[in-house]
N, C-alpha and C. Protein backbone atom coordinates (compact mmCIF):
# COMPACT_ATOMS: atom_id res chain seq x y z
N MET A 1 70.98 96.57 100.03
CA MET A 1 70.63 98.02 99.50
C MET A 1 70.17 98.49 101.35
N SER A 2 70.95 99.18 100.59
CA SER A 2 69.98 100.19 102.83
C SER A 2 68.65 100.60 102.32
N SER A 3 68.78 100.78 103.56
CA SER A 3 67.27 101.53 103.60
C SER A 3 66.79 102.83 104.22
N HIS A 4 66.24 103.59 103.20
CA HIS A 4 66.56 104.48 103.15
C HIS A 4 66.60 105.18 104.99
N SER A 5 66.00 104.82 106.03
CA SER A 5 66.13 105.80 106.85
C SER A 5 67.83 105.54 107.62
N ASP A 6 68.21 103.96 107.37
CA ASP A 6 69.74 104.39 107.64
C ASP A 6 70.45 105.21 106.51
N VAL A 7 70.13 105.36 105.80
CA VAL A 7 71.28 106.01 104.56
C VAL A 7 70.59 108.01 105.00
N TYR A 8 69.41 107.77 105.36
CA TYR A 8 68.90 109.78 105.54
C TYR A 8 69.54 109.68 106.89
N VAL A 9 69.64 109.25 108.25
CA VAL A 9 70.43 109.39 109.30
C VAL A 9 71.69 109.76 108.80
N ALA A 10 72.88 108.93 108.15
CA ALA A 10 73.76 109.22 108.08
C ALA A 10 74.19 110.71 106.70
N PHE A 11 73.62 110.75 105.76
CA PHE A 11 73.71 111.93 104.72
C PHE A 11 73.01 112.64 105.97
N ARG A 12 72.02 112.67 106.41
CA ARG A 12 71.52 114.27 107.45
C ARG A 12 72.46 114.68 108.12
N THR A 13 72.86 113.65 108.87
CA THR A 13 73.79 114.43 110.08
C THR A 13 75.19 115.24 109.37
N GLN A 14 75.68 114.32 108.29
CA GLN A 14 76.88 115.36 107.51
C GLN A 14 76.55 116.14 106.67
N ILE A 15 75.12 116.59 106.11
CA ILE A 15 75.15 117.42 105.23
C ILE A 15 74.49 118.69 106.18
N PHE A 16 73.93 118.19 107.61
CA PHE A 16 73.08 119.59 108.27
C PHE A 16 74.35 119.91 109.09
N GLU A 17 75.54 119.13 109.27
CA GLU A 17 76.59 120.03 110.02
C GLU A 17 77.15 120.67 109.23
N ALA A 18 77.09 120.35 107.64
CA ALA A 18 78.06 121.67 107.35
C ALA A 18 76.94 122.66 106.23
N LEU A 19 75.94 122.48 106.52
CA LEU A 19 75.04 123.63 106.23
C LEU A 19 75.15 124.87 106.77
N ASP A 20 75.21 126.03 106.56
CA ASP A 20 75.25 127.43 107.38
C ASP A 20 73.98 127.62 107.15
N ALA A 21 73.50 128.23 108.75
CA ALA A 21 71.92 128.42 109.14
C ALA A 21 71.72 129.90 107.94
N GLU A 22 72.95 130.61 108.75
CA GLU A 22 72.97 132.24 108.20
C GLU A 22 72.80 131.96 106.75
N ALA A 23 73.57 131.36 105.57
CA ALA A 23 73.52 131.14 104.82
C ALA A 23 72.20 130.82 103.65
N ILE A 24 71.37 129.97 104.34
CA ILE A 24 70.20 129.29 104.17
C ILE A 24 69.51 130.35 103.69
N GLN A 25 69.07 131.14 104.71
CA GLN A 25 68.28 132.12 104.92
C GLN A 25 68.29 133.22 103.55
N SER A 26 69.33 133.40 103.03
CA SER A 26 69.84 134.18 102.22
C SER A 26 69.44 133.46 100.87
N LEU A 27 69.51 132.62 100.95
CA LEU A 27 69.43 131.71 99.35
C LEU A 27 67.65 131.19 99.60
N THR A 28 67.51 130.82 97.76
CA THR A 28 66.47 130.46 97.80
C THR A 28 66.01 129.47 97.87
N GLN A 29 64.91 128.52 98.10
CA GLN A 29 64.41 127.25 98.06
C GLN A 29 65.23 126.56 97.32
N LEU A 30 65.29 126.69 95.70
CA LEU A 30 65.92 125.99 94.82
C LEU A 30 67.28 126.35 95.08
N GLU A 31 67.66 126.78 95.92
CA GLU A 31 69.42 127.25 95.86
C GLU A 31 69.39 126.11 96.76
N VAL A 32 69.22 125.93 97.80
CA VAL A 32 69.38 125.25 98.73
C VAL A 32 68.86 123.69 98.44
N GLU A 33 67.99 123.55 97.79
CA GLU A 33 67.75 122.47 97.07
C GLU A 33 69.20 121.41 96.56
N ASN A 34 69.09 122.58 95.79
CA ASN A 34 70.86 122.05 94.70
C ASN A 34 71.69 121.66 95.52
N GLN A 35 72.04 122.53 96.25
CA GLN A 35 73.11 122.42 97.31
C GLN A 35 72.88 120.86 97.74
N ILE A 36 71.98 121.04 98.59
CA ILE A 36 71.66 119.88 99.19
C ILE A 36 71.90 118.03 98.09
N ARG A 37 71.47 118.46 96.64
CA ARG A 37 71.16 117.23 95.88
C ARG A 37 72.76 117.12 95.24
N THR A 38 73.56 118.48 95.30
CA THR A 38 74.98 117.98 95.20
C THR A 38 75.33 117.25 95.97
N ALA A 39 75.12 117.41 97.59
CA ALA A 39 75.97 117.20 98.86
C ALA A 39 75.35 115.63 98.85
N VAL A 40 73.94 114.88 98.49
CA VAL A 40 73.35 113.84 98.12
C VAL A 40 74.50 112.73 97.65
N ASP A 41 74.85 113.58 96.14
CA ASP A 41 75.41 112.95 95.04
C ASP A 41 76.92 112.64 95.52
N LEU A 42 77.51 113.28 96.25
CA LEU A 42 78.94 113.57 96.59
C LEU A 42 78.53 112.36 97.94
N LEU A 43 78.02 112.23 98.19
CA LEU A 43 78.03 111.49 99.75
C LEU A 43 77.83 109.68 99.48
N ALA A 44 77.03 109.66 98.19
CA ALA A 44 76.38 108.57 97.63
C ALA A 44 77.22 107.95 96.95
N ASN A 45 78.41 108.45 96.19
CA ASN A 45 79.37 107.93 95.26
C ASN A 45 80.37 107.43 96.14
N SER A 46 80.75 107.69 97.73
CA SER A 46 81.68 107.24 98.67
C SER A 46 80.68 106.21 99.28
N TYR A 47 79.51 106.39 99.26
CA TYR A 47 78.91 105.04 100.03
C TYR A 47 79.07 103.13 100.27
N GLU A 48 79.08 103.42 101.34
CA GLU A 48 79.45 101.64 101.06
C GLU A 48 77.94 100.98 100.19
N ARG A 49 77.32 101.08 100.04
CA ARG A 49 76.39 100.55 99.32
C ARG A 49 76.10 101.30 98.03
N PRO A 50 75.74 100.66 96.93
CA PRO A 50 74.99 101.58 96.11
C PRO A 50 73.62 102.53 96.07
N ILE A 51 73.44 103.64 95.72
CA ILE A 51 72.31 104.29 95.97
C ILE A 51 71.24 105.07 94.71
N THR A 52 70.74 104.28 94.64
CA THR A 52 69.45 104.50 93.96
C THR A 52 69.15 105.71 93.50
N ALA A 53 69.25 106.39 92.01
CA ALA A 53 68.44 107.79 91.80
C ALA A 53 67.29 108.17 92.62
N MET A 54 66.10 106.74 92.60
CA MET A 54 65.04 107.54 93.26
C MET A 54 65.16 107.79 94.45
N MET A 55 66.31 107.01 95.48
CA MET A 55 66.66 107.11 96.75
C MET A 55 67.30 108.09 97.23
N LYS A 56 68.58 108.40 95.86
CA LYS A 56 68.73 109.87 96.36
C LYS A 56 67.98 111.03 96.11
N SER A 57 66.70 111.44 95.42
CA SER A 57 65.78 112.11 95.13
C SER A 57 65.04 112.11 96.24
N SER A 58 64.88 111.08 96.79
CA SER A 58 63.97 110.47 98.36
C SER A 58 65.15 111.61 99.27
N LEU A 59 65.79 111.25 99.52
CA LEU A 59 66.77 112.26 100.53
C LEU A 59 66.67 113.28 100.13
N VAL A 60 66.79 113.88 99.11
CA VAL A 60 66.51 115.03 99.07
C VAL A 60 65.31 116.08 99.41
N LYS A 61 63.56 115.24 98.71
CA LYS A 61 62.81 115.55 99.17
C LYS A 61 62.81 115.56 100.88
N SER A 62 63.46 114.48 101.24
CA SER A 62 63.08 114.11 103.28
C SER A 62 64.06 115.24 104.25
N MET A 63 65.56 115.87 103.36
CA MET A 63 66.00 116.72 103.89
C MET A 63 64.98 118.65 103.41
N MET A 64 64.65 118.39 102.83
CA MET A 64 63.64 119.81 102.23
C MET A 64 62.64 119.71 102.74
N ASP A 65 62.07 118.76 103.29
CA ASP A 65 60.98 118.65 104.11
C ASP A 65 61.50 119.51 105.36
N GLU A 66 62.06 119.10 105.67
CA GLU A 66 63.11 118.84 107.25
C GLU A 66 63.47 120.37 107.32
N LEU A 67 63.91 120.49 106.52
CA LEU A 67 64.39 122.53 106.26
C LEU A 67 63.44 123.28 106.32
N PHE A 68 62.59 123.11 105.42
CA PHE A 68 60.99 124.43 104.91
C PHE A 68 59.82 123.73 105.04
N GLY A 69 59.80 122.65 105.59
CA GLY A 69 58.32 121.73 105.97
C GLY A 69 58.25 121.30 107.24
N LEU A 70 57.38 120.55 107.45
CA LEU A 70 57.13 119.53 109.26
C LEU A 70 58.31 118.44 109.00
N GLY A 71 59.43 118.38 108.27
CA GLY A 71 59.96 117.02 108.32
C GLY A 71 59.01 115.68 108.10
N PRO A 72 59.65 114.75 108.66
CA PRO A 72 58.97 113.30 108.08
C PRO A 72 57.18 113.53 108.12
N ILE A 73 56.35 114.46 108.71
CA ILE A 73 55.23 114.50 108.51
C ILE A 73 54.35 114.97 107.85
N GLN A 74 55.61 115.88 106.72
CA GLN A 74 54.93 116.64 105.92
C GLN A 74 53.93 116.26 104.88
N PRO A 75 54.28 115.26 104.29
CA PRO A 75 53.21 114.21 103.08
C PRO A 75 52.18 113.90 103.92
N LEU A 76 51.92 113.81 104.73
CA LEU A 76 50.81 114.10 106.00
C LEU A 76 49.91 115.70 106.01
N VAL A 77 50.65 116.47 105.91
CA VAL A 77 50.45 117.81 106.31
C VAL A 77 49.45 117.98 104.36
N ASP A 78 50.37 117.76 103.14
CA ASP A 78 50.29 117.75 102.26
C ASP A 78 48.73 117.20 102.06
N ASP A 79 48.78 116.18 102.76
CA ASP A 79 47.36 115.53 101.87
C ASP A 79 46.16 115.29 102.26
N PRO A 80 44.82 116.36 101.57
CA PRO A 80 44.03 117.15 101.59
C PRO A 80 42.98 116.24 102.39
N THR A 81 43.57 114.59 102.16
CA THR A 81 42.36 113.37 102.75
C THR A 81 42.65 113.41 103.97
N ILE A 82 43.71 113.75 105.25
CA ILE A 82 43.85 113.89 106.22
C ILE A 82 43.36 115.04 106.90
N THR A 83 42.65 114.52 107.95
CA THR A 83 42.69 115.78 109.30
C THR A 83 43.08 116.16 110.31
N ASP A 84 43.36 115.12 111.23
CA ASP A 84 44.61 115.50 111.90
C ASP A 84 45.97 114.14 111.69
N ILE A 85 46.77 114.76 112.33
CA ILE A 85 48.10 114.28 112.73
C ILE A 85 48.59 114.09 114.15
N LEU A 86 48.87 113.17 114.84
CA LEU A 86 48.90 112.90 115.63
C LEU A 86 50.84 112.74 116.07
N VAL A 87 51.42 113.14 116.95
CA VAL A 87 53.22 112.44 116.79
C VAL A 87 53.53 112.41 118.62
N ASN A 88 53.26 111.34 118.68
CA ASN A 88 53.89 110.55 120.13
C ASN A 88 55.36 110.38 120.12
N GLY A 89 56.11 111.09 119.98
CA GLY A 89 57.91 110.64 119.74
C GLY A 89 58.12 110.42 118.60
N PRO A 90 59.19 109.89 118.59
CA PRO A 90 59.70 109.54 117.15
C PRO A 90 59.76 108.48 116.10
N SER A 91 58.86 107.54 117.29
CA SER A 91 58.38 106.02 116.38
C SER A 91 56.41 106.04 116.28
N GLU A 92 55.67 107.29 117.03
CA GLU A 92 54.49 107.11 116.90
C GLU A 92 53.58 108.30 116.26
N VAL A 93 53.16 107.70 115.12
CA VAL A 93 52.44 108.73 113.93
C VAL A 93 51.32 108.52 113.86
N PHE A 94 50.63 109.23 113.92
CA PHE A 94 49.28 108.65 113.42
C PHE A 94 48.17 109.70 112.96
N TYR A 95 47.54 109.63 112.02
CA TYR A 95 46.55 110.26 111.32
C TYR A 95 45.16 109.73 111.30
N GLU A 96 44.38 110.83 110.90
CA GLU A 96 43.25 110.19 111.02
C GLU A 96 42.40 110.48 109.36
N ARG A 97 41.69 109.74 108.24
CA ARG A 97 41.64 109.78 107.34
C ARG A 97 39.86 109.13 107.33
N ALA A 98 39.11 110.10 106.93
CA ALA A 98 37.63 109.90 106.70
C ALA A 98 36.79 109.25 107.89
N GLY A 99 37.58 109.68 109.39
CA GLY A 99 37.21 109.35 110.87
C GLY A 99 37.86 108.24 110.61
N LYS A 100 38.55 107.69 110.36
CA LYS A 100 39.30 106.67 110.87
C LYS A 100 40.87 106.77 110.78
N LEU A 101 41.46 106.43 112.27
CA LEU A 101 42.71 106.95 113.10
C LEU A 101 43.28 105.70 112.65
N SER A 102 44.64 106.16 111.69
CA SER A 102 45.54 105.37 111.48
C SER A 102 46.89 105.11 112.35
N LYS A 103 47.85 104.40 112.31
CA LYS A 103 49.30 104.21 112.97
C LYS A 103 49.76 104.43 111.30
N SER A 104 50.60 105.08 110.89
CA SER A 104 51.87 105.56 109.80
C SER A 104 53.06 104.96 110.41
N ASP A 105 53.64 104.49 108.76
CA ASP A 105 55.29 103.81 109.03
C ASP A 105 55.99 104.95 109.05
N ILE A 106 55.64 106.35 109.20
CA ILE A 106 56.47 107.13 109.26
C ILE A 106 57.56 107.11 110.55
N ARG A 107 58.45 107.12 110.62
CA ARG A 107 58.95 107.72 111.74
C ARG A 107 60.06 108.99 111.25
N PHE A 108 60.80 109.98 113.23
CA PHE A 108 61.17 110.54 113.07
C PHE A 108 62.43 110.22 113.12
N VAL A 109 63.78 110.56 113.32
CA VAL A 109 65.11 110.10 113.05
C VAL A 109 65.61 109.92 114.78
N ASN A 110 65.13 110.77 115.77
CA ASN A 110 65.36 110.68 117.55
C ASN A 110 64.26 111.44 117.63
N GLU A 111 64.24 111.82 119.13
CA GLU A 111 63.24 112.98 119.68
C GLU A 111 63.91 114.32 119.56
N GLU A 112 65.23 114.35 119.06
CA GLU A 112 65.60 115.74 119.29
C GLU A 112 64.91 116.41 117.42
N GLN A 113 64.67 115.42 116.92
CA GLN A 113 64.27 115.55 115.37
C GLN A 113 62.83 116.15 115.63
N VAL A 114 62.27 115.81 116.53
CA VAL A 114 60.63 115.57 116.97
C VAL A 114 60.48 117.31 117.73
N LEU A 115 61.57 117.04 118.93
CA LEU A 115 61.51 118.49 119.39
C LEU A 115 62.29 120.20 118.08
N SER A 116 63.05 119.37 116.85
CA SER A 116 62.85 120.77 116.55
C SER A 116 61.90 121.06 115.53
N ILE A 117 61.32 119.93 115.08
CA ILE A 117 60.21 120.30 114.35
C ILE A 117 59.33 120.78 115.07
N ALA A 118 58.59 120.65 115.98
CA ALA A 118 57.84 121.65 117.06
C ALA A 118 58.59 122.27 117.16
N LYS A 119 59.56 123.03 117.73
CA LYS A 119 60.10 124.14 117.56
C LYS A 119 59.90 125.58 116.62
N GLN A 120 59.89 124.71 115.04
CA GLN A 120 59.82 125.15 113.58
C GLN A 120 58.36 125.75 113.62
N ILE A 121 57.68 125.08 114.11
CA ILE A 121 56.18 124.95 114.24
C ILE A 121 55.51 126.26 115.08
N ALA A 122 56.40 126.43 116.03
CA ALA A 122 56.17 126.87 117.09
C ALA A 122 56.66 128.45 116.68
N ALA A 123 57.72 128.48 116.12
CA ALA A 123 58.48 130.08 115.38
C ALA A 123 57.74 130.09 114.51
N ARG A 124 57.20 129.63 113.53
CA ARG A 124 56.26 130.08 112.35
C ARG A 124 55.10 130.74 112.83
N VAL A 125 54.77 130.83 114.28
CA VAL A 125 53.16 131.49 114.72
C VAL A 125 53.88 132.08 116.00
N GLY A 126 55.06 132.43 115.46
CA GLY A 126 55.57 133.77 116.55
C GLY A 126 55.76 132.98 118.36
N ARG A 127 55.18 131.86 118.16
CA ARG A 127 55.56 131.77 119.93
C ARG A 127 57.32 130.89 119.68
N ARG A 128 57.20 130.30 120.99
CA ARG A 128 57.88 129.36 121.62
C ARG A 128 57.77 127.66 122.47
N VAL A 129 59.07 127.32 122.00
CA VAL A 129 58.53 125.74 122.92
C VAL A 129 59.78 125.57 123.66
N ASP A 130 59.66 125.18 124.71
CA ASP A 130 61.32 125.07 125.72
C ASP A 130 60.51 124.78 127.22
N GLU A 131 62.22 124.48 127.54
CA GLU A 131 61.59 124.13 129.07
C GLU A 131 60.85 124.77 130.04
N LEU A 132 60.88 126.17 129.68
CA LEU A 132 60.20 127.31 130.24
C LEU A 132 58.67 127.57 129.92
N SER A 133 58.34 127.21 128.63
CA SER A 133 56.92 127.40 127.97
C SER A 133 56.90 126.21 127.01
N PRO A 134 56.42 124.77 127.96
CA PRO A 134 56.19 123.69 127.50
C PRO A 134 55.08 122.94 126.50
N THR A 135 54.51 124.34 126.82
CA THR A 135 53.27 123.91 125.71
C THR A 135 52.93 125.07 124.71
N VAL A 136 52.52 124.63 123.45
CA VAL A 136 51.93 125.58 122.86
C VAL A 136 50.19 124.96 122.36
N ASP A 137 49.34 126.18 121.61
CA ASP A 137 47.95 125.98 121.19
C ASP A 137 48.29 127.49 120.43
N ALA A 138 48.26 126.74 119.03
CA ALA A 138 48.06 127.89 118.24
C ALA A 138 47.29 127.29 116.65
N ARG A 139 47.24 128.91 116.25
CA ARG A 139 46.50 128.24 114.18
C ARG A 139 47.57 128.79 113.70
N LEU A 140 47.73 127.59 113.05
CA LEU A 140 48.78 128.15 111.50
C LEU A 140 48.49 128.55 110.46
N GLU A 141 49.31 128.91 109.70
CA GLU A 141 49.40 130.06 108.35
C GLU A 141 47.48 129.06 107.61
N ASP A 142 47.97 128.31 107.59
CA ASP A 142 46.41 127.84 106.94
C ASP A 142 45.18 127.51 107.47
N GLY A 143 45.40 127.72 109.16
CA GLY A 143 44.06 127.84 109.38
C GLY A 143 44.11 126.50 110.80
N SER A 144 44.97 125.67 110.56
CA SER A 144 44.80 124.52 110.84
C SER A 144 45.10 124.83 112.66
N ARG A 145 44.87 124.13 113.34
CA ARG A 145 45.30 124.25 115.12
C ARG A 145 46.39 122.94 115.48
N VAL A 146 47.48 123.74 116.00
CA VAL A 146 48.30 123.06 116.89
C VAL A 146 48.30 122.85 117.88
N ASN A 147 48.66 122.01 118.46
CA ASN A 147 49.05 121.37 120.21
C ASN A 147 50.14 120.88 120.07
N ILE A 148 51.19 121.48 120.98
CA ILE A 148 52.37 120.85 121.22
C ILE A 148 52.54 120.74 122.51
N VAL A 149 53.21 120.14 122.94
CA VAL A 149 53.66 119.15 124.52
C VAL A 149 54.48 118.78 124.36
N ILE A 150 55.98 119.29 125.33
CA ILE A 150 57.36 118.86 125.02
C ILE A 150 57.67 118.43 127.06
N PRO A 151 58.69 117.53 126.94
CA PRO A 151 58.87 117.25 128.10
C PRO A 151 59.02 118.21 129.15
N PRO A 152 59.52 118.84 130.52
CA PRO A 152 58.72 117.35 131.61
C PRO A 152 57.45 117.20 131.43
N ILE A 153 56.68 118.03 130.75
CA ILE A 153 55.39 117.87 130.62
C ILE A 153 54.08 116.41 130.14
N ALA A 154 55.82 116.47 128.47
CA ALA A 154 54.92 115.39 128.10
C ALA A 154 56.20 114.27 128.45
N LEU A 155 55.50 113.20 129.17
CA LEU A 155 56.64 112.07 129.75
C LEU A 155 57.14 110.90 128.70
N ASP A 156 56.79 110.85 127.90
CA ASP A 156 57.25 109.90 126.77
C ASP A 156 57.55 110.66 125.47
N GLY A 157 58.07 112.21 125.22
CA GLY A 157 58.74 112.60 124.31
C GLY A 157 57.59 114.13 123.69
N THR A 158 57.94 114.47 123.11
CA THR A 158 57.44 115.49 122.07
C THR A 158 56.44 114.93 122.02
N ALA A 159 55.16 115.98 121.77
CA ALA A 159 53.82 115.44 121.45
C ALA A 159 52.83 117.02 120.72
N ILE A 160 53.07 115.90 119.42
CA ILE A 160 52.65 116.84 118.23
C ILE A 160 51.19 116.62 118.12
N SER A 161 50.11 117.60 117.92
CA SER A 161 48.63 117.26 117.27
C SER A 161 48.50 118.58 116.41
N ILE A 162 47.79 118.10 114.91
CA ILE A 162 47.82 119.02 114.36
C ILE A 162 46.56 119.05 113.83
N ARG A 163 45.08 119.60 113.41
CA ARG A 163 44.03 119.45 113.14
C ARG A 163 43.73 120.46 111.63
N LYS A 164 43.67 119.55 111.19
CA LYS A 164 43.83 120.40 109.66
C LYS A 164 42.44 121.19 109.71
N PHE A 165 42.71 122.39 108.87
CA PHE A 165 41.55 122.78 108.47
C PHE A 165 40.50 122.95 107.27
N ARG A 166 39.57 122.26 107.11
CA ARG A 166 38.99 122.07 105.93
C ARG A 166 38.63 123.10 105.09
N GLU A 167 39.08 122.35 103.95
CA GLU A 167 38.80 123.82 103.07
C GLU A 167 37.30 124.07 102.40
N GLN A 168 36.71 122.79 102.66
CA GLN A 168 35.38 122.94 101.87
C GLN A 168 33.97 122.54 103.37
N ASN A 169 32.86 123.47 103.57
CA ASN A 169 32.25 123.12 104.29
C ASN A 169 31.65 121.77 104.33
N ILE A 170 31.52 121.56 105.47
CA ILE A 170 30.77 120.24 106.15
C ILE A 170 29.00 119.93 105.08
N GLY A 171 29.10 119.04 104.28
CA GLY A 171 27.43 119.33 103.88
C GLY A 171 26.38 118.43 104.85
N VAL A 172 25.51 118.48 104.62
CA VAL A 172 24.70 117.21 105.48
C VAL A 172 24.76 116.10 105.44
N GLU A 173 25.14 115.51 104.34
CA GLU A 173 25.53 114.42 104.05
C GLU A 173 26.81 114.00 104.66
N ASP A 174 27.76 114.79 104.81
CA ASP A 174 29.08 114.39 105.46
C ASP A 174 28.56 114.53 107.00
N LEU A 175 27.97 115.37 107.85
CA LEU A 175 27.77 115.40 108.86
C LEU A 175 27.09 114.10 109.11
N SER A 176 25.99 113.53 108.28
CA SER A 176 25.38 112.59 108.94
C SER A 176 26.14 111.57 108.86
N THR A 177 27.02 110.95 107.87
CA THR A 177 27.67 109.66 107.78
C THR A 177 28.78 109.94 109.04
N SER A 178 29.21 111.21 109.20
CA SER A 178 30.21 111.00 110.30
C SER A 178 29.72 110.65 111.84
N VAL A 179 28.49 111.15 112.00
CA VAL A 179 27.91 110.89 113.07
C VAL A 179 27.31 109.63 113.03
N LEU A 180 27.10 109.07 112.19
CA LEU A 180 26.48 107.99 112.18
C LEU A 180 27.44 106.39 112.41
């Protein structure tokens, strides 16, 4: 059985090269998802090893997250118990939950994917991040704070930090337990 990341890299390359960026903008997310699902099914039929239905669904979700969300870190963004997300290049992703920092097993495909997600984040808030403007500090649509640093300032690859907006106010008990 193939690992998800190996299959994802192989399928992603072929599917993303075939996608027409302008056409995607005129389609609904459901239409794009259906096109990706069809492409995954076709590629799976000719892949060297069997691809399960569960893996196919996971591949489609991962590609949709990359096109319309924040790529591999989208599940962390969607988790309401996570307060901070830290990306230090393609293979170091950390998150904070209940005041405890943990290393995630989430990985980006490569540095180019991290940079692409960083540029998507910056574009969503009307900013840009590139060699001439290698840092971005901004507030996302949901109120979360984001900081992006790319090379040459970031020596070990693109760094992204997201401090998520809390939907509920902190109570006295929450404050006392987080301080102690």
